[in-house]
Amino acid sequence: MSIHYAVLGLLGYRSMSGYDLKKIIQDTPFFPWSGNNNQIYKTLVELLDAGFLTNEVQHQDHSPSKKVYTITDAGWAELRRLAKAKPEPPEIRNLFLAQLAWADALSSGELDALIDGYEAEIDAQLQLHEEQRRRNAFSPRRTAREAAIWNSIHENIMDFYRNERRWAARLREALARIPEEENA
């Protein structure tokens, strides 16, 4: 799925500037894009050229003018087309697993420290997402169905971190069952 889909979806929620889009994409944990300026503005130009968006320059008294983008009828049709596309399989790209794959080269203490660090990252990410959700980070709720969808998205993310925590505990248990002399 391309960033075009995310931008169209966000602009389907409300008209926004490129900066607004950038902030939401960067702050939304399930978007796989970095949301850097090059990605956002290149995508906006492509969507404008395709007729999926319009823009309007808004002048501000104490700030530079900004372009605000709005989805067009053609953009809505494209968003619907993309929403009906065959779902892509979930990705399991976890750099920690690659790091762990070769961690047998570490001492037991170093391996424990590595797992400690991963658990701390998991806990920090879970707390961050819980706080973002509590503060009502970007989460459209125009209809009951949309609210249910976004609640489920947030739950999926939190379940991922909770499952990683359980998995780390099982890893520790498996390592603890190995006699120390076999760890050399």
C-alpha atoms as a PDB file:
ATOM      1  CA  MET A   1       0.000   0.000   0.000  1.00  0.00           C
ATOM      2  CA  SER A   2       1.440   3.345  -0.944  1.00  0.00           C
ATOM      3  CA  ILE A   3       1.575   6.572   1.000  1.00  0.00           C
ATOM      4  CA  HIS A   4      -0.952   7.923  -1.523  1.00  0.00           C
ATOM      5  CA  TYR A   5      -3.643   5.873   0.230  1.00  0.00           C
ATOM      6  CA  ALA A   6      -2.776   7.290   3.662  1.00  0.00           C
ATOM      7  CA  VAL A   7      -2.717  10.875   2.376  1.00  0.00           C
ATOM      8  CA  LEU A   8      -6.056  10.471   0.598  1.00  0.00           C
ATOM      9  CA  GLY A   9      -7.547   8.885   3.718  1.00  0.00           C
ATOM     10  CA  LEU A  10      -6.305  11.633   5.996  1.00  0.00           C
ATOM     11  CA  LEU A  11      -7.571  14.323   3.638  1.00  0.00           C
ATOM     12  CA  GLY A  12     -10.875  12.462   3.451  1.00  0.00           C
ATOM     13  CA  TYR A  13     -11.144  13.110   7.165  1.00  0.00           C
ATOM     14  CA  ARG A  14     -10.507  16.850   6.812  1.00  0.00           C
ATOM     15  CA  SER A  15      -8.587  19.328   4.693  1.00  0.00           C
ATOM     16  CA  MET A  16      -5.002  19.778   5.895  1.00  0.00           C
ATOM     17  CA  SER A  17      -1.657  21.313   5.094  1.00  0.00           C
ATOM     18  CA  GLY A  18       1.383  19.234   4.208  1.00  0.00           C
ATOM     19  CA  TYR A  19       2.748  19.968   7.673  1.00  0.00           C
ATOM     20  CA  ASP A  20      -0.444  18.626   9.307  1.00  0.00           C
ATOM     21  CA  LEU A  21      -0.173  15.449   7.236  1.00  0.00           C
ATOM     22  CA  LYS A  22       3.494  15.045   8.125  1.00  0.00           C
ATOM     23  CA  LYS A  23       2.782  15.276  11.868  1.00  0.00           C
ATOM     24  CA  ILE A  24      -0.044  12.732  11.753  1.00  0.00           C
ATOM     25  CA  ILE A  25       1.906  10.241   9.640  1.00  0.00           C
ATOM     26  CA  GLN A  26       4.967  10.549  11.882  1.00  0.00           C
ATOM     27  CA  ASP A  27       2.894  10.158  15.051  1.00  0.00           C
ATOM     28  CA  THR A  28       0.745   7.239  13.886  1.00  0.00           C
ATOM     29  CA  PRO A  29       2.477   3.972  14.820  1.00  0.00           C
ATOM     30  CA  PHE A  30       0.885   1.771  12.171  1.00  0.00           C
ATOM     31  CA  PHE A  31       1.859   3.880   9.152  1.00  0.00           C
ATOM     32  CA  PRO A  32       5.027   2.362   7.666  1.00  0.00           C
ATOM     33  CA  TRP A  33       6.169   5.647   6.103  1.00  0.00           C
ATOM     34  CA  SER A  34       8.551   8.072   7.743  1.00  0.00           C
ATOM     35  CA  GLY A  35       6.415  11.055   6.803  1.00  0.00           C
ATOM     36  CA  ASN A  36       9.412  13.147   5.863  1.00  0.00           C
ATOM     37  CA  ASN A  37       8.880  16.326   3.847  1.00  0.00           C
ATOM     38  CA  ASN A  38      10.085  14.761   0.582  1.00  0.00           C
ATOM     39  CA  GLN A  39       7.578  11.902   0.859  1.00  0.00           C
ATOM     40  CA  ILE A  40       4.650  14.106   1.801  1.00  0.00           C
ATOM     41  CA  TYR A  41       5.144  16.927  -0.692  1.00  0.00           C
ATOM     42  CA  LYS A  42       6.026  14.591  -3.577  1.00  0.00           C
ATOM     43  CA  THR A  43       2.852  12.620  -2.852  1.00  0.00           C
ATOM     44  CA  LEU A  44       0.759  15.794  -2.662  1.00  0.00           C
ATOM     45  CA  VAL A  45       2.074  16.959  -6.054  1.00  0.00           C
ATOM     46  CA  GLU A  46       1.345  13.552  -7.598  1.00  0.00           C
ATOM     47  CA  LEU A  47      -2.180  13.509  -6.169  1.00  0.00           C
ATOM     48  CA  LEU A  48      -2.781  17.089  -7.352  1.00  0.00           C
ATOM     49  CA  ASP A  49      -1.529  16.207 -10.851  1.00  0.00           C
ATOM     50  CA  ALA A  50      -3.841  13.183 -10.916  1.00  0.00           C
ATOM     51  CA  GLY A  51      -6.829  15.371 -10.006  1.00  0.00           C
ATOM     52  CA  PHE A  52      -7.370  13.647  -6.651  1.00  0.00           C
ATOM     53  CA  LEU A  53      -6.752  16.837  -4.646  1.00  0.00           C
ATOM     54  CA  THR A  54      -7.165  20.571  -4.852  1.00  0.00           C
ATOM     55  CA  ASN A  55      -5.288  23.125  -2.814  1.00  0.00           C
ATOM     56  CA  GLU A  56      -5.851  26.620  -1.572  1.00  0.00           C
ATOM     57  CA  VAL A  57      -3.288  29.068  -0.235  1.00  0.00           C
ATOM     58  CA  GLN A  58      -4.294  30.416   3.161  1.00  0.00           C
ATOM     59  CA  HIS A  59      -2.613  33.620   4.279  1.00  0.00           C
ATOM     60  CA  GLN A  60      -1.807  33.966   7.956  1.00  0.00           C
ATOM     61  CA  ASP A  61      -1.076  37.162   9.846  1.00  0.00           C
ATOM     62  CA  HIS A  62       1.910  36.047  11.909  1.00  0.00           C
ATOM     63  CA  SER A  63       3.105  33.017   9.960  1.00  0.00           C
ATOM     64  CA  PRO A  64       3.971  32.203   6.369  1.00  0.00           C
ATOM     65  CA  SER A  65       1.115  31.339   4.031  1.00  0.00           C
ATOM     66  CA  LYS A  66       0.248  27.674   3.804  1.00  0.00           C
ATOM     67  CA  LYS A  67      -1.368  25.411   1.234  1.00  0.00           C
ATOM     68  CA  VAL A  68      -4.366  23.464   2.471  1.00  0.00           C
ATOM     69  CA  TYR A  69      -5.263  20.353   0.501  1.00  0.00           C
ATOM     70  CA  THR A  70      -8.759  18.948  -0.025  1.00  0.00           C
ATOM     71  CA  ILE A  71      -9.800  15.636  -1.531  1.00  0.00           C
ATOM     72  CA  THR A  72     -11.847  15.799  -4.754  1.00  0.00           C
ATOM     73  CA  ASP A  73     -14.635  13.497  -5.950  1.00  0.00           C
ATOM     74  CA  ALA A  74     -12.026  11.704  -8.068  1.00  0.00           C
ATOM     75  CA  GLY A  75      -9.872  11.409  -4.933  1.00  0.00           C
ATOM     76  CA  TRP A  76     -12.788   9.847  -3.050  1.00  0.00           C
ATOM     77  CA  ALA A  77     -13.236   7.337  -5.884  1.00  0.00           C
ATOM     78  CA  GLU A  78      -9.501   6.514  -5.763  1.00  0.00           C
ATOM     79  CA  LEU A  79      -9.627   6.144  -1.979  1.00  0.00           C
ATOM     80  CA  ARG A  80     -12.548   3.724  -2.302  1.00  0.00           C
ATOM     81  CA  ARG A  81     -10.691   1.778  -5.014  1.00  0.00           C
ATOM     82  CA  LEU A  82      -7.609   1.476  -2.822  1.00  0.00           C
ATOM     83  CA  ALA A  83      -9.689   0.523   0.228  1.00  0.00           C
ATOM     84  CA  LYS A  84     -11.173  -2.397  -1.724  1.00  0.00           C
ATOM     85  CA  ALA A  85      -7.771  -3.704  -2.878  1.00  0.00           C
ATOM     86  CA  LYS A  86      -6.649  -7.124  -1.742  1.00  0.00           C
ATOM     87  CA  PRO A  87      -5.035  -6.830   1.720  1.00  0.00           C
ATOM     88  CA  GLU A  88      -1.298  -7.295   1.818  1.00  0.00           C
ATOM     89  CA  PRO A  89       0.070 -10.006   4.126  1.00  0.00           C
ATOM     90  CA  PRO A  90       1.279  -8.716   7.495  1.00  0.00           C
ATOM     91  CA  GLU A  91       4.987  -8.024   7.730  1.00  0.00           C
ATOM     92  CA  ILE A  92       7.111  -9.411  10.495  1.00  0.00           C
ATOM     93  CA  ARG A  93      10.215  -7.311  10.293  1.00  0.00           C
ATOM     94  CA  ASN A  94      11.647  -7.061  13.735  1.00  0.00           C
ATOM     95  CA  LEU A  95      15.257  -5.952  13.932  1.00  0.00           C
ATOM     96  CA  PHE A  96      15.504  -7.337  17.447  1.00  0.00           C
ATOM     97  CA  LEU A  97      14.887 -10.848  16.088  1.00  0.00           C
ATOM     98  CA  ALA A  98      17.833 -10.426  13.712  1.00  0.00           C
ATOM     99  CA  GLN A  99      19.936  -9.162  16.601  1.00  0.00           C
ATOM    100  CA  LEU A 100      18.804 -12.036  18.804  1.00  0.00           C
ATOM    101  CA  ALA A 101      19.498 -14.646  16.092  1.00  0.00           C
ATOM    102  CA  TRP A 102      23.244 -14.199  16.618  1.00  0.00           C
ATOM    103  CA  ALA A 103      23.157 -13.408  20.338  1.00  0.00           C
ATOM    104  CA  ASP A 104      24.541 -16.815  21.276  1.00  0.00           C
ATOM    105  CA  ALA A 105      27.930 -15.102  20.880  1.00  0.00           C
ATOM    106  CA  LEU A 106      27.111 -13.067  24.017  1.00  0.00           C
ATOM    107  CA  SER A 107      27.735 -14.056  27.613  1.00  0.00           C
ATOM    108  CA  SER A 108      24.696 -14.892  29.738  1.00  0.00           C
ATOM    109  CA  GLY A 109      24.904 -11.468  31.392  1.00  0.00           C
ATOM    110  CA  GLU A 110      25.143  -9.701  28.035  1.00  0.00           C
ATOM    111  CA  LEU A 111      22.177 -11.687  26.706  1.00  0.00           C
ATOM    112  CA  ASP A 112      20.149 -10.803  29.803  1.00  0.00           C
ATOM    113  CA  ALA A 113      21.038  -7.137  29.305  1.00  0.00           C
ATOM    114  CA  LEU A 114      19.985  -7.354  25.655  1.00  0.00           C
ATOM    115  CA  ILE A 115      16.607  -8.842  26.614  1.00  0.00           C
ATOM    116  CA  ASP A 116      16.249  -6.283  29.430  1.00  0.00           C
ATOM    117  CA  GLY A 117      16.774  -3.523  26.892  1.00  0.00           C
ATOM    118  CA  TYR A 118      14.195  -4.976  24.535  1.00  0.00           C
ATOM    119  CA  GLU A 119      11.650  -5.318  27.334  1.00  0.00           C
ATOM    120  CA  ALA A 120      12.289  -1.710  28.333  1.00  0.00           C
ATOM    121  CA  GLU A 121      11.674  -0.598  24.715  1.00  0.00           C
ATOM    122  CA  ILE A 122       8.474  -2.650  24.579  1.00  0.00           C
ATOM    123  CA  ASP A 123       7.251  -1.111  27.835  1.00  0.00           C
ATOM    124  CA  ALA A 124       8.134   2.396  26.653  1.00  0.00           C
ATOM    125  CA  GLN A 125       6.303   1.911  23.339  1.00  0.00           C
ATOM    126  CA  LEU A 126       3.249   0.494  25.097  1.00  0.00           C
ATOM    127  CA  GLN A 127       3.154   3.425  27.513  1.00  0.00           C
ATOM    128  CA  LEU A 128       3.644   5.891  24.668  1.00  0.00           C
ATOM    129  CA  HIS A 129       0.777   4.415  22.683  1.00  0.00           C
ATOM    130  CA  GLU A 130      -1.479   4.273  25.726  1.00  0.00           C
ATOM    131  CA  GLU A 131      -0.734   7.957  26.384  1.00  0.00           C
ATOM    132  CA  GLN A 132      -1.340   8.910  22.748  1.00  0.00           C
ATOM    133  CA  ARG A 133      -4.634   7.071  22.851  1.00  0.00           C
ATOM    134  CA  ARG A 134      -5.577   8.697  26.159  1.00  0.00           C
ATOM    135  CA  ARG A 135      -4.842  12.122  24.679  1.00  0.00           C
ATOM    136  CA  ASN A 136      -6.989  11.217  21.700  1.00  0.00           C
ATOM    137  CA  ALA A 137      -4.167  11.289  19.155  1.00  0.00           C
ATOM    138  CA  PHE A 138      -5.406  11.272  15.582  1.00  0.00           C
ATOM    139  CA  SER A 139      -8.358   8.913  15.594  1.00  0.00           C
ATOM    140  CA  PRO A 140     -11.352   9.868  13.443  1.00  0.00           C
ATOM    141  CA  ARG A 141     -14.733   9.085  14.976  1.00  0.00           C
ATOM    142  CA  ARG A 142     -17.241  10.540  12.538  1.00  0.00           C
ATOM    143  CA  THR A 143     -19.420   7.430  12.778  1.00  0.00           C
ATOM    144  CA  ALA A 144     -19.814   4.605  15.289  1.00  0.00           C
ATOM    145  CA  ARG A 145     -18.299   2.205  12.753  1.00  0.00           C
ATOM    146  CA  GLU A 146     -15.283   4.447  12.188  1.00  0.00           C
ATOM    147  CA  ALA A 147     -14.776   4.738  15.958  1.00  0.00           C
ATOM    148  CA  ALA A 148     -14.933   0.942  16.294  1.00  0.00           C
ATOM    149  CA  ILE A 149     -12.391   0.531  13.469  1.00  0.00           C
ATOM    150  CA  TRP A 150      -9.948   3.016  15.007  1.00  0.00           C
ATOM    151  CA  ASN A 151     -10.408   1.521  18.490  1.00  0.00           C
ATOM    152  CA  SER A 152      -9.572  -1.881  17.032  1.00  0.00           C
ATOM    153  CA  ILE A 153      -6.492  -0.477  15.295  1.00  0.00           C
ATOM    154  CA  HIS A 154      -5.250   0.935  18.598  1.00  0.00           C
ATOM    155  CA  GLU A 155      -6.004  -2.346  20.387  1.00  0.00           C
ATOM    156  CA  ASN A 156      -4.082  -4.275  17.707  1.00  0.00           C
ATOM    157  CA  ILE A 157      -1.024  -2.097  18.297  1.00  0.00           C
ATOM    158  CA  MET A 158      -1.246  -2.447  22.064  1.00  0.00           C
ATOM    159  CA  ASP A 159      -1.792  -6.213  21.735  1.00  0.00           C
ATOM    160  CA  PHE A 160       1.376  -6.398  19.632  1.00  0.00           C
ATOM    161  CA  TYR A 161       3.437  -4.857  22.439  1.00  0.00           C
ATOM    162  CA  ARG A 162       1.717  -6.957  25.114  1.00  0.00           C
ATOM    163  CA  ASN A 163       2.429 -10.087  23.075  1.00  0.00           C
ATOM    164  CA  GLU A 164       6.085  -9.072  22.647  1.00  0.00           C
ATOM    165  CA  ARG A 165       6.305  -8.741  26.442  1.00  0.00           C
ATOM    166  CA  ARG A 166       4.844 -12.251  26.917  1.00  0.00           C
ATOM    167  CA  TRP A 167       7.198 -13.611  24.259  1.00  0.00           C
ATOM    168  CA  ALA A 168      10.223 -12.039  26.002  1.00  0.00           C
ATOM    169  CA  ALA A 169       9.148 -13.689  29.276  1.00  0.00           C
ATOM    170  CA  ARG A 170       8.886 -17.080  27.506  1.00  0.00           C
ATOM    171  CA  LEU A 171      12.338 -16.513  25.977  1.00  0.00           C
ATOM    172  CA  ARG A 172      13.760 -15.878  29.438  1.00  0.00           C
ATOM    173  CA  GLU A 173      12.066 -19.040  30.761  1.00  0.00           C
ATOM    174  CA  ALA A 174      13.486 -21.130  27.894  1.00  0.00           C
ATOM    175  CA  LEU A 175      16.976 -19.741  28.476  1.00  0.00           C
ATOM    176  CA  ALA A 176      16.722 -20.348  32.232  1.00  0.00           C
ATOM    177  CA  ARG A 177      16.050 -24.073  31.636  1.00  0.00           C
ATOM    178  CA  ILE A 178      19.390 -24.525  29.857  1.00  0.00           C
ATOM    179  CA  PRO A 179      22.146 -25.697  32.195  1.00  0.00           C
ATOM    180  CA  GLU A 180      24.850 -23.040  32.635  1.00  0.00           C
ATOM    181  CA  GLU A 181      27.627 -25.280  31.250  1.00  0.00           C
ATOM    182  CA  GLU A 182      25.750 -25.519  27.939  1.00  0.00           C
ATOM    183  CA  ASN A 183      25.810 -21.711  27.630  1.00  0.00           C
ATOM    184  CA  ALA A 184      29.574 -21.570  27.144  1.00  0.00           C
END
